[in-house]
Amino acid sequence: MKEQFHQKLREQLMDIQEQWQMSGQLKPGDLFVVGCSTSEIAGERIGTAGSKEIAAIIYKNLEKLENENEIHLCFQCCEHLNRAIVMERSTMNDYQLNEVSVIPVANAGGAMAAYAFEQLKEPVVVETVTAHAGMDIGETMIGMHLKPVAIPFRLQQRFLGEARLNAAYTRPKRIGGARAVYPE
């Protein structure tokens, strides 16, 4: 039964990856923030049943999204670490972000952020980002890490496992008035 559930997650994630790929909303170099409750995916209350196995499935599938779109994945920690962000040191340097001193673990950072920290080549944690796009799996509230004008990206799936799934991309702010012209 557990393996069936994991296989279903893999299939859902492949569909999600394909939808992002077809959307044309991800550009090379974009920051893509992932907020994820593995507890919620498993059908439990957020922060109560973190799963390294579920985190591994998500990480592996999102890594494909990262590689195919040349984006930078970053993973939001839980509220115990003030929703700080795990990313590669090179990404931190490219975006001139400031490192904070902490190592996320399952019960202080969350299973997903802790797993990502273990997988990255040179992991760091930063306090905040302004990402171009992202996914919120299990109502982890990634909005604080998106650029100001977030546009909901309606995925066909409304759930990943048992967790509610929301996604968004951003666009530049529109300025001007009645005579202004905006790109499509």
Protein backbone atom coordinates (compact mmCIF):
# COMPACT_ATOMS: atom_id res chain seq x y z
CA MET A 1 0.00 0.00 0.00
CA LYS A 2 2.85 2.40 0.85
CA GLU A 3 4.56 1.73 -2.49
CA GLN A 4 1.28 2.35 -4.32
CA PHE A 5 0.98 5.71 -2.57
CA HIS A 6 4.56 6.60 -3.48
CA GLN A 7 3.95 5.58 -7.10
CA LYS A 8 0.86 7.80 -7.19
CA LEU A 9 2.97 10.71 -5.92
CA ARG A 10 5.57 10.10 -8.64
CA GLU A 11 2.84 10.11 -11.30
CA GLN A 12 1.26 13.29 -9.94
CA LEU A 13 4.65 14.99 -9.83
CA MET A 14 5.39 14.00 -13.43
CA ASP A 15 2.08 15.59 -14.47
CA ILE A 16 2.87 18.72 -12.47
CA GLN A 17 6.33 18.94 -14.02
CA GLU A 18 4.82 18.62 -17.50
CA GLN A 19 2.28 21.37 -16.79
CA TRP A 20 5.02 23.73 -15.65
CA GLN A 21 7.08 22.79 -18.70
CA MET A 22 4.19 23.53 -21.07
CA SER A 23 3.26 26.79 -19.33
CA GLY A 24 6.27 28.69 -20.62
CA GLN A 25 6.36 30.59 -17.31
CA LEU A 26 9.77 29.31 -16.15
CA LYS A 27 12.79 31.10 -17.55
CA PRO A 28 16.45 30.08 -17.17
CA GLY A 29 17.84 31.51 -13.96
CA ASP A 30 14.45 31.88 -12.24
CA LEU A 31 14.17 31.16 -8.53
CA PHE A 32 11.48 28.55 -7.83
CA VAL A 33 10.48 28.28 -4.17
CA VAL A 34 8.96 25.07 -2.82
CA GLY A 35 7.04 25.01 0.42
CA CYS A 36 6.12 21.49 1.36
CA SER A 37 4.53 19.62 4.24
CA THR A 38 5.30 15.93 3.86
CA SER A 39 2.93 15.39 6.80
CA GLU A 40 0.02 16.92 4.87
CA ILE A 41 0.91 14.85 1.79
CA ALA A 42 0.59 11.74 3.95
CA GLY A 43 -2.79 12.92 5.23
CA GLU A 44 -1.62 14.13 8.64
CA ARG A 45 -1.61 17.56 10.26
CA ILE A 46 1.26 19.82 9.19
CA GLY A 47 4.36 19.34 11.35
CA THR A 48 3.27 16.04 12.90
CA ALA A 49 4.46 13.23 10.61
CA GLY A 50 7.36 14.39 8.45
CA SER A 51 8.61 11.83 5.96
CA LYS A 52 12.09 11.63 4.47
CA GLU A 53 10.75 9.08 1.94
CA ILE A 54 8.13 11.51 0.64
CA ALA A 55 10.70 14.32 0.62
CA ALA A 56 13.01 12.16 -1.51
CA ILE A 57 10.27 11.51 -4.08
CA ILE A 58 9.44 15.20 -4.33
CA TYR A 59 13.07 16.27 -4.49
CA LYS A 60 13.93 13.80 -7.26
CA ASN A 61 11.00 14.90 -9.40
CA LEU A 62 11.52 18.61 -8.85
CA GLU A 63 15.20 18.18 -9.69
CA LYS A 64 14.04 17.19 -13.20
CA LEU A 65 12.00 20.39 -13.41
CA GLU A 66 15.08 22.34 -12.33
CA ASN A 67 17.38 20.71 -14.86
CA GLU A 68 15.00 20.88 -17.82
CA ASN A 69 14.17 24.55 -17.23
CA GLU A 70 17.57 25.73 -15.92
CA ILE A 71 15.89 27.22 -12.84
CA HIS A 72 17.12 27.35 -9.26
CA LEU A 73 15.12 25.35 -6.73
CA CYS A 74 14.93 26.64 -3.19
CA PHE A 75 13.09 25.03 -0.31
CA GLN A 76 11.20 26.84 2.42
CA CYS A 77 11.75 25.74 5.99
CA CYS A 78 8.90 25.55 8.47
CA GLU A 79 7.91 28.31 10.89
CA HIS A 80 10.39 27.05 13.51
CA LEU A 81 13.12 28.51 11.29
CA ASN A 82 11.01 31.54 10.33
CA ARG A 83 10.39 30.07 6.87
CA ALA A 84 14.04 30.53 5.88
CA ILE A 85 15.15 29.14 2.52
CA VAL A 86 17.53 26.28 1.63
CA MET A 87 19.45 26.65 -1.62
CA GLU A 88 22.80 26.09 -3.32
CA ARG A 89 25.59 28.46 -2.33
CA SER A 90 26.06 29.39 -6.01
CA THR A 91 22.43 30.53 -6.19
CA MET A 92 22.86 32.58 -3.04
CA ASN A 93 25.94 34.21 -4.58
CA ASP A 94 24.24 34.80 -7.95
CA TYR A 95 21.35 36.60 -6.25
CA GLN A 96 23.57 38.36 -3.69
CA LEU A 97 21.62 36.96 -0.74
CA ASN A 98 22.79 36.74 2.85
CA GLU A 99 23.45 33.42 4.51
CA VAL A 100 22.07 32.71 7.98
CA SER A 101 23.55 30.18 10.37
CA VAL A 102 21.31 27.13 10.86
CA ILE A 103 21.01 23.55 9.67
CA PRO A 104 17.42 22.47 9.05
CA VAL A 105 16.36 19.17 10.58
CA ALA A 106 13.03 17.36 10.39
CA ASN A 107 11.58 18.87 13.58
CA ALA A 108 13.05 22.36 13.04
CA GLY A 109 12.93 23.17 9.38
CA GLY A 110 10.75 20.36 8.12
CA ALA A 111 11.45 17.05 6.39
CA MET A 112 11.53 18.58 2.90
CA ALA A 113 13.97 21.38 3.72
CA ALA A 114 16.14 19.03 5.78
CA TYR A 115 16.24 16.49 2.94
CA ALA A 116 17.09 19.18 0.37
CA PHE A 117 19.88 20.48 2.61
CA GLU A 118 21.38 16.97 2.66
CA GLN A 119 21.17 16.60 -1.14
CA LEU A 120 22.59 19.90 -2.33
CA LYS A 121 26.26 20.15 -3.30
CA GLU A 122 26.93 23.26 -1.19
CA PRO A 123 23.78 23.95 0.82
CA VAL A 124 23.15 27.23 2.56
CA VAL A 125 20.18 28.80 4.28
CA VAL A 126 19.10 32.37 3.57
CA GLU A 127 16.48 34.37 5.40
CA THR A 128 14.34 35.37 2.44
CA VAL A 129 14.09 35.39 -1.35
CA THR A 130 11.88 37.02 -3.95
CA ALA A 131 11.23 34.08 -6.23
CA HIS A 132 9.80 34.15 -9.74
CA ALA A 133 7.55 31.14 -9.20
CA GLY A 134 6.80 28.39 -6.74
CA MET A 135 4.59 25.70 -5.35
CA ASP A 136 2.92 25.46 -1.99
CA ILE A 137 2.24 21.86 -1.02
CA GLY A 138 0.15 21.54 2.12
CA GLU A 139 -0.56 25.22 2.77
CA THR A 140 2.92 26.16 3.93
CA MET A 141 2.44 29.80 2.88
CA ILE A 142 5.18 30.57 0.36
CA GLY A 143 3.69 33.96 -0.57
CA MET A 144 6.24 35.85 1.52
CA HIS A 145 8.94 34.53 -0.82
CA LEU A 146 7.35 35.47 -4.16
CA LYS A 147 7.79 38.68 -6.11
CA PRO A 148 5.00 41.21 -5.44
CA VAL A 149 2.66 40.39 -8.35
CA ALA A 150 1.89 36.68 -8.02
CA ILE A 151 -0.38 35.06 -10.59
CA PRO A 152 -2.08 31.78 -9.60
CA PHE A 153 -0.98 28.90 -11.81
CA ARG A 154 -3.93 26.53 -11.96
CA LEU A 155 -2.57 23.01 -11.98
CA GLN A 156 -4.91 20.21 -13.03
CA GLN A 157 -4.22 18.53 -9.71
CA ARG A 158 -5.54 20.35 -6.68
CA PHE A 159 -3.81 17.89 -4.34
CA LEU A 160 -0.47 16.10 -4.09
CA GLY A 161 -1.22 13.02 -2.06
CA GLU A 162 -3.56 14.39 0.59
CA ALA A 163 -2.07 17.91 0.63
CA ARG A 164 -3.67 20.89 -1.04
CA LEU A 165 -1.54 22.13 -3.89
CA ASN A 166 -1.20 25.72 -5.05
CA ALA A 167 1.25 27.23 -7.49
CA ALA A 168 2.06 30.69 -8.78
CA TYR A 169 4.34 32.56 -11.11
CA THR A 170 5.00 36.28 -11.02
CA ARG A 171 5.02 39.15 -13.46
CA PRO A 172 6.55 42.61 -13.29
CA LYS A 173 4.42 45.36 -11.75
CA ARG A 174 2.51 47.43 -14.29
CA ILE A 175 3.12 51.13 -14.05
CA GLY A 176 1.60 54.06 -15.88
CA GLY A 177 -1.99 54.91 -16.54
CA ALA A 178 -4.65 54.79 -19.22
CA ARG A 179 -2.15 55.42 -22.03
CA ALA A 180 0.39 52.82 -20.93
CA VAL A 181 1.04 49.80 -23.13
CA TYR A 182 1.96 46.45 -21.56
CA PRO A 183 3.57 43.36 -23.10
CA GLU A 184 1.38 40.29 -23.38
